[in-house]
N, C-alpha and C. Protein backbone atom coordinates (compact mmCIF):
# COMPACT_ATOMS: atom_id res chain seq x y z
N MET A 1 -23.30 5.24 8.19
CA MET A 1 -24.41 5.36 9.10
C MET A 1 -25.41 6.34 8.50
N SER A 2 -26.67 6.00 8.54
CA SER A 2 -27.70 6.86 7.94
C SER A 2 -28.11 7.95 8.92
N TYR A 3 -28.75 8.98 8.36
CA TYR A 3 -29.24 10.06 9.21
C TYR A 3 -30.30 9.56 10.19
N GLY A 4 -31.10 8.59 9.77
CA GLY A 4 -32.12 8.01 10.65
C GLY A 4 -31.49 7.32 11.85
N THR A 5 -30.41 6.60 11.62
CA THR A 5 -29.72 5.91 12.70
C THR A 5 -29.11 6.91 13.68
N ILE A 6 -28.52 7.96 13.13
CA ILE A 6 -27.93 9.00 13.97
C ILE A 6 -29.01 9.69 14.80
N ALA A 7 -30.13 9.99 14.17
CA ALA A 7 -31.23 10.65 14.88
C ALA A 7 -31.78 9.75 15.99
N ALA A 8 -31.91 8.46 15.71
CA ALA A 8 -32.42 7.52 16.71
C ALA A 8 -31.45 7.42 17.88
N ALA A 9 -30.16 7.37 17.58
CA ALA A 9 -29.16 7.29 18.64
C ALA A 9 -29.17 8.56 19.49
N ALA A 10 -29.30 9.71 18.85
CA ALA A 10 -29.35 10.98 19.58
C ALA A 10 -30.59 11.04 20.47
N ALA A 11 -31.71 10.57 19.95
CA ALA A 11 -32.94 10.56 20.74
C ALA A 11 -32.82 9.64 21.95
N ALA A 12 -32.23 8.47 21.75
CA ALA A 12 -32.03 7.53 22.85
C ALA A 12 -31.11 8.12 23.91
N LEU A 13 -30.05 8.77 23.47
CA LEU A 13 -29.13 9.41 24.42
C LEU A 13 -29.85 10.51 25.19
N GLY A 14 -30.68 11.27 24.51
CA GLY A 14 -31.44 12.32 25.17
C GLY A 14 -32.37 11.76 26.23
N LEU A 15 -33.01 10.64 25.95
CA LEU A 15 -33.89 10.01 26.93
C LEU A 15 -33.11 9.52 28.14
N LEU A 16 -31.95 8.92 27.90
CA LEU A 16 -31.12 8.44 29.00
C LEU A 16 -30.64 9.60 29.87
N LEU A 17 -30.18 10.67 29.25
CA LEU A 17 -29.72 11.82 30.01
C LEU A 17 -30.87 12.46 30.77
N GLY A 18 -32.02 12.53 30.15
CA GLY A 18 -33.19 13.09 30.82
C GLY A 18 -33.59 12.27 32.02
N ALA A 19 -33.56 10.95 31.90
CA ALA A 19 -33.90 10.07 33.02
C ALA A 19 -32.89 10.24 34.15
N ALA A 20 -31.63 10.38 33.81
CA ALA A 20 -30.60 10.56 34.84
C ALA A 20 -30.80 11.89 35.56
N GLN A 21 -31.16 12.93 34.82
CA GLN A 21 -31.37 14.23 35.43
C GLN A 21 -32.60 14.22 36.33
N GLU A 22 -33.63 13.49 35.95
CA GLU A 22 -34.83 13.42 36.78
C GLU A 22 -34.53 12.78 38.13
N LYS A 23 -33.61 11.84 38.16
CA LYS A 23 -33.28 11.13 39.39
C LYS A 23 -32.28 11.90 40.24
N ALA A 24 -31.63 12.90 39.67
CA ALA A 24 -30.64 13.67 40.42
C ALA A 24 -31.33 14.46 41.52
N PRO A 25 -30.74 14.50 42.71
CA PRO A 25 -31.33 15.28 43.80
C PRO A 25 -31.46 16.74 43.41
N LYS A 26 -32.53 17.35 43.86
CA LYS A 26 -32.80 18.73 43.48
C LYS A 26 -32.40 19.73 44.56
N SER A 27 -31.94 19.23 45.70
CA SER A 27 -31.53 20.13 46.77
C SER A 27 -30.54 19.43 47.71
N ILE A 28 -29.84 20.25 48.48
CA ILE A 28 -28.95 19.71 49.50
C ILE A 28 -29.77 18.96 50.54
N LYS A 29 -30.92 19.51 50.88
CA LYS A 29 -31.80 18.88 51.88
C LYS A 29 -32.19 17.47 51.44
N GLU A 30 -32.47 17.29 50.18
CA GLU A 30 -32.82 15.96 49.65
C GLU A 30 -31.64 14.99 49.79
N ILE A 31 -30.44 15.46 49.54
CA ILE A 31 -29.25 14.62 49.67
C ILE A 31 -29.04 14.22 51.13
N MET A 32 -29.27 15.16 52.03
CA MET A 32 -29.04 14.91 53.45
C MET A 32 -29.96 13.81 54.01
N LYS A 33 -31.07 13.53 53.36
CA LYS A 33 -31.95 12.45 53.81
C LYS A 33 -31.22 11.11 53.80
N ASP A 34 -30.33 10.92 52.83
CA ASP A 34 -29.55 9.67 52.74
C ASP A 34 -28.20 9.79 53.44
N HIS A 35 -27.85 11.00 53.84
CA HIS A 35 -26.53 11.25 54.41
C HIS A 35 -26.52 11.17 55.93
N LYS A 36 -27.55 11.68 56.57
CA LYS A 36 -27.48 11.84 58.03
C LYS A 36 -28.17 10.72 58.80
N GLY A 37 -27.66 10.48 59.97
CA GLY A 37 -28.29 9.53 60.89
C GLY A 37 -27.59 8.19 60.94
N LYS A 38 -27.79 7.52 62.06
CA LYS A 38 -27.16 6.22 62.29
C LYS A 38 -27.74 5.12 61.42
N GLU A 39 -28.94 5.32 60.89
CA GLU A 39 -29.60 4.33 60.03
C GLU A 39 -29.59 4.76 58.56
N SER A 40 -28.81 5.77 58.23
CA SER A 40 -28.81 6.31 56.87
C SER A 40 -28.06 5.41 55.89
N LEU A 41 -28.26 5.70 54.63
CA LEU A 41 -27.55 4.99 53.57
C LEU A 41 -26.04 5.17 53.72
N VAL A 42 -25.60 6.37 54.04
CA VAL A 42 -24.17 6.63 54.20
C VAL A 42 -23.61 5.85 55.39
N ALA A 43 -24.37 5.78 56.48
CA ALA A 43 -23.93 4.99 57.63
C ALA A 43 -23.77 3.52 57.23
N LYS A 44 -24.69 3.04 56.42
CA LYS A 44 -24.64 1.64 55.98
C LYS A 44 -23.40 1.38 55.13
N VAL A 45 -23.13 2.25 54.15
CA VAL A 45 -21.98 1.98 53.27
C VAL A 45 -20.65 2.21 53.97
N THR A 46 -20.60 3.17 54.90
CA THR A 46 -19.34 3.39 55.62
C THR A 46 -19.07 2.28 56.63
N ALA A 47 -20.11 1.51 56.97
CA ALA A 47 -19.92 0.35 57.83
C ALA A 47 -19.54 -0.88 57.02
N GLY A 48 -19.42 -0.71 55.69
CA GLY A 48 -19.05 -1.81 54.82
C GLY A 48 -20.20 -2.74 54.50
N LYS A 49 -21.44 -2.30 54.73
CA LYS A 49 -22.60 -3.15 54.52
C LYS A 49 -23.43 -2.74 53.31
N GLY A 50 -22.93 -1.83 52.51
CA GLY A 50 -23.67 -1.37 51.33
C GLY A 50 -23.47 -2.29 50.14
N SER A 51 -24.50 -2.41 49.35
CA SER A 51 -24.40 -3.17 48.10
C SER A 51 -23.67 -2.31 47.07
N GLU A 52 -23.33 -2.91 45.96
CA GLU A 52 -22.68 -2.15 44.89
C GLU A 52 -23.58 -1.01 44.43
N ALA A 53 -24.88 -1.27 44.31
CA ALA A 53 -25.83 -0.24 43.89
C ALA A 53 -25.91 0.88 44.93
N GLU A 54 -25.89 0.53 46.20
CA GLU A 54 -25.95 1.54 47.25
C GLU A 54 -24.68 2.38 47.28
N ASN A 55 -23.54 1.75 47.08
CA ASN A 55 -22.28 2.50 47.01
C ASN A 55 -22.31 3.48 45.85
N LYS A 56 -22.84 3.05 44.71
CA LYS A 56 -22.94 3.92 43.54
C LYS A 56 -23.93 5.05 43.79
N LYS A 57 -25.00 4.77 44.52
CA LYS A 57 -25.97 5.81 44.84
C LYS A 57 -25.32 6.89 45.69
N VAL A 58 -24.52 6.49 46.68
CA VAL A 58 -23.83 7.46 47.53
C VAL A 58 -22.89 8.32 46.68
N LEU A 59 -22.18 7.69 45.77
CA LEU A 59 -21.30 8.44 44.87
C LEU A 59 -22.13 9.47 44.09
N GLY A 60 -23.25 9.05 43.55
CA GLY A 60 -24.11 9.97 42.80
C GLY A 60 -24.62 11.12 43.66
N LEU A 61 -24.96 10.82 44.90
CA LEU A 61 -25.42 11.87 45.81
C LEU A 61 -24.33 12.91 46.04
N TYR A 62 -23.12 12.43 46.28
CA TYR A 62 -22.03 13.36 46.55
C TYR A 62 -21.59 14.11 45.29
N GLU A 63 -21.69 13.48 44.15
CA GLU A 63 -21.41 14.20 42.90
C GLU A 63 -22.44 15.32 42.71
N ALA A 64 -23.69 15.03 43.04
CA ALA A 64 -24.73 16.05 42.95
C ALA A 64 -24.48 17.16 43.97
N LEU A 65 -24.12 16.78 45.19
CA LEU A 65 -23.86 17.76 46.24
C LEU A 65 -22.79 18.75 45.80
N ALA A 66 -21.77 18.25 45.12
CA ALA A 66 -20.67 19.10 44.67
C ALA A 66 -21.11 20.14 43.64
N THR A 67 -22.26 19.95 43.01
CA THR A 67 -22.73 20.90 42.01
C THR A 67 -23.46 22.09 42.62
N PHE A 68 -23.85 21.97 43.89
CA PHE A 68 -24.56 23.05 44.56
C PHE A 68 -23.58 24.07 45.12
N LYS A 69 -24.08 25.29 45.31
CA LYS A 69 -23.30 26.31 46.01
C LYS A 69 -23.59 26.16 47.49
N PRO A 70 -22.62 26.47 48.34
CA PRO A 70 -22.86 26.33 49.78
C PRO A 70 -23.90 27.35 50.25
N PRO A 71 -24.79 26.95 51.17
CA PRO A 71 -25.77 27.90 51.70
C PRO A 71 -25.11 29.10 52.37
N GLN A 72 -23.94 28.88 52.94
CA GLN A 72 -23.14 29.97 53.51
C GLN A 72 -21.69 29.51 53.53
N GLY A 73 -20.80 30.44 53.72
CA GLY A 73 -19.38 30.11 53.81
C GLY A 73 -18.66 30.17 52.47
N ASP A 74 -17.39 29.89 52.54
CA ASP A 74 -16.48 30.00 51.41
C ASP A 74 -16.67 28.88 50.39
N GLU A 75 -16.77 29.25 49.13
CA GLU A 75 -16.94 28.24 48.08
C GLU A 75 -15.72 27.34 47.94
N GLY A 76 -14.54 27.85 48.23
CA GLY A 76 -13.33 27.03 48.17
C GLY A 76 -13.38 25.90 49.20
N SER A 77 -13.86 26.22 50.39
CA SER A 77 -14.01 25.21 51.44
C SER A 77 -15.04 24.17 51.03
N TRP A 78 -16.15 24.62 50.44
CA TRP A 78 -17.20 23.71 49.96
C TRP A 78 -16.63 22.76 48.92
N LYS A 79 -15.88 23.32 47.99
CA LYS A 79 -15.28 22.50 46.92
C LYS A 79 -14.33 21.47 47.52
N GLU A 80 -13.52 21.89 48.48
CA GLU A 80 -12.58 20.98 49.12
C GLU A 80 -13.31 19.82 49.81
N LYS A 81 -14.35 20.15 50.54
CA LYS A 81 -15.09 19.12 51.29
C LYS A 81 -15.86 18.18 50.37
N THR A 82 -16.51 18.74 49.35
CA THR A 82 -17.28 17.89 48.45
C THR A 82 -16.36 17.06 47.56
N THR A 83 -15.21 17.60 47.21
CA THR A 83 -14.23 16.83 46.42
C THR A 83 -13.74 15.63 47.23
N ALA A 84 -13.53 15.83 48.52
CA ALA A 84 -13.10 14.73 49.39
C ALA A 84 -14.19 13.66 49.47
N LEU A 85 -15.45 14.09 49.57
CA LEU A 85 -16.56 13.13 49.60
C LEU A 85 -16.64 12.32 48.32
N VAL A 86 -16.57 13.02 47.20
CA VAL A 86 -16.66 12.34 45.90
C VAL A 86 -15.48 11.38 45.72
N GLY A 87 -14.29 11.81 46.05
CA GLY A 87 -13.11 10.96 45.90
C GLY A 87 -13.21 9.70 46.75
N ALA A 88 -13.64 9.86 48.00
CA ALA A 88 -13.77 8.70 48.88
C ALA A 88 -14.87 7.77 48.40
N ALA A 89 -15.98 8.34 47.92
CA ALA A 89 -17.07 7.51 47.42
C ALA A 89 -16.65 6.74 46.16
N LYS A 90 -15.85 7.37 45.31
CA LYS A 90 -15.33 6.69 44.12
C LYS A 90 -14.46 5.51 44.52
N GLU A 91 -13.62 5.71 45.53
CA GLU A 91 -12.77 4.63 46.00
C GLU A 91 -13.62 3.49 46.57
N LEU A 92 -14.72 3.84 47.22
CA LEU A 92 -15.62 2.81 47.75
C LEU A 92 -16.22 1.99 46.60
N VAL A 93 -16.68 2.67 45.57
CA VAL A 93 -17.24 1.98 44.40
C VAL A 93 -16.18 1.10 43.73
N GLU A 94 -14.94 1.58 43.72
CA GLU A 94 -13.83 0.82 43.12
C GLU A 94 -13.29 -0.26 44.05
N LYS A 95 -13.87 -0.37 45.22
CA LYS A 95 -13.52 -1.39 46.22
C LYS A 95 -12.06 -1.29 46.68
N LYS A 96 -11.60 -0.05 46.84
CA LYS A 96 -10.23 0.15 47.31
C LYS A 96 -10.20 -0.03 48.82
N GLU A 97 -9.11 -0.62 49.29
CA GLU A 97 -8.94 -0.87 50.71
C GLU A 97 -8.94 0.45 51.49
N GLY A 98 -9.66 0.47 52.60
CA GLY A 98 -9.72 1.66 53.45
C GLY A 98 -10.69 2.73 52.98
N ALA A 99 -11.40 2.47 51.90
CA ALA A 99 -12.29 3.48 51.33
C ALA A 99 -13.45 3.83 52.27
N ALA A 100 -14.01 2.84 52.95
CA ALA A 100 -15.14 3.11 53.84
C ALA A 100 -14.71 4.04 54.98
N GLU A 101 -13.53 3.80 55.52
CA GLU A 101 -13.03 4.66 56.60
C GLU A 101 -12.75 6.07 56.08
N LYS A 102 -12.22 6.15 54.89
CA LYS A 102 -11.93 7.45 54.28
C LYS A 102 -13.24 8.21 54.05
N LEU A 103 -14.27 7.51 53.58
CA LEU A 103 -15.56 8.15 53.35
C LEU A 103 -16.18 8.59 54.67
N LYS A 104 -16.06 7.76 55.69
CA LYS A 104 -16.61 8.12 56.99
C LYS A 104 -15.97 9.40 57.51
N ALA A 105 -14.67 9.53 57.35
CA ALA A 105 -13.97 10.74 57.79
C ALA A 105 -14.39 11.95 56.95
N ALA A 106 -14.54 11.78 55.66
CA ALA A 106 -14.93 12.88 54.78
C ALA A 106 -16.37 13.31 55.02
N ALA A 107 -17.21 12.40 55.51
CA ALA A 107 -18.63 12.67 55.72
C ALA A 107 -18.91 13.24 57.11
N ASN A 108 -17.90 13.84 57.73
CA ASN A 108 -18.02 14.44 59.05
C ASN A 108 -19.01 15.61 59.01
N CYS A 109 -20.17 15.40 59.58
CA CYS A 109 -21.25 16.40 59.52
C CYS A 109 -20.84 17.74 60.13
N LYS A 110 -20.30 17.70 61.32
CA LYS A 110 -19.97 18.92 62.04
C LYS A 110 -18.96 19.77 61.28
N ALA A 111 -17.96 19.14 60.69
CA ALA A 111 -16.93 19.89 59.97
C ALA A 111 -17.53 20.72 58.84
N CYS A 112 -18.52 20.17 58.18
CA CYS A 112 -19.17 20.89 57.07
C CYS A 112 -20.23 21.86 57.59
N HIS A 113 -21.05 21.42 58.53
CA HIS A 113 -22.14 22.25 59.03
C HIS A 113 -21.63 23.51 59.72
N ASP A 114 -20.52 23.41 60.44
CA ASP A 114 -19.99 24.59 61.14
C ASP A 114 -19.72 25.75 60.19
N VAL A 115 -19.33 25.47 58.96
CA VAL A 115 -18.98 26.54 58.03
C VAL A 115 -19.97 26.74 56.89
N HIS A 116 -20.82 25.75 56.62
CA HIS A 116 -21.65 25.85 55.42
C HIS A 116 -23.17 25.73 55.62
N LYS A 117 -23.63 25.20 56.73
CA LYS A 117 -25.06 24.99 56.87
C LYS A 117 -25.80 26.32 56.98
N GLY A 118 -26.79 26.47 56.12
CA GLY A 118 -27.62 27.66 56.17
C GLY A 118 -28.59 27.60 57.33
N LYS A 119 -29.34 28.65 57.48
CA LYS A 119 -30.30 28.72 58.60
C LYS A 119 -31.60 28.06 58.27
């Protein structure tokens, strides 16, 4: 492999990673736009009506959420809750039986907000 080919591949990878980072949510508030409400994306996928792309988007949102620090409360609790969200969303993407119900339980707003929602 030539140095030119390696450089071109590295540049292409850099562009792909940059594009992925640009699309990543920049705040918890941004993620919550797709998470909360009866008409939200999360409500749609937990009802079993999400497309493959929508299921993957939810997974990406929860993976991003797990990278943030909680606005308040214990970081161990935050990690536990976000890990459950990511795991359930992965199962949904993998089309595992019962995944939508598992995600719905993990996406319990009150359980997270009581200990982590900032002011």
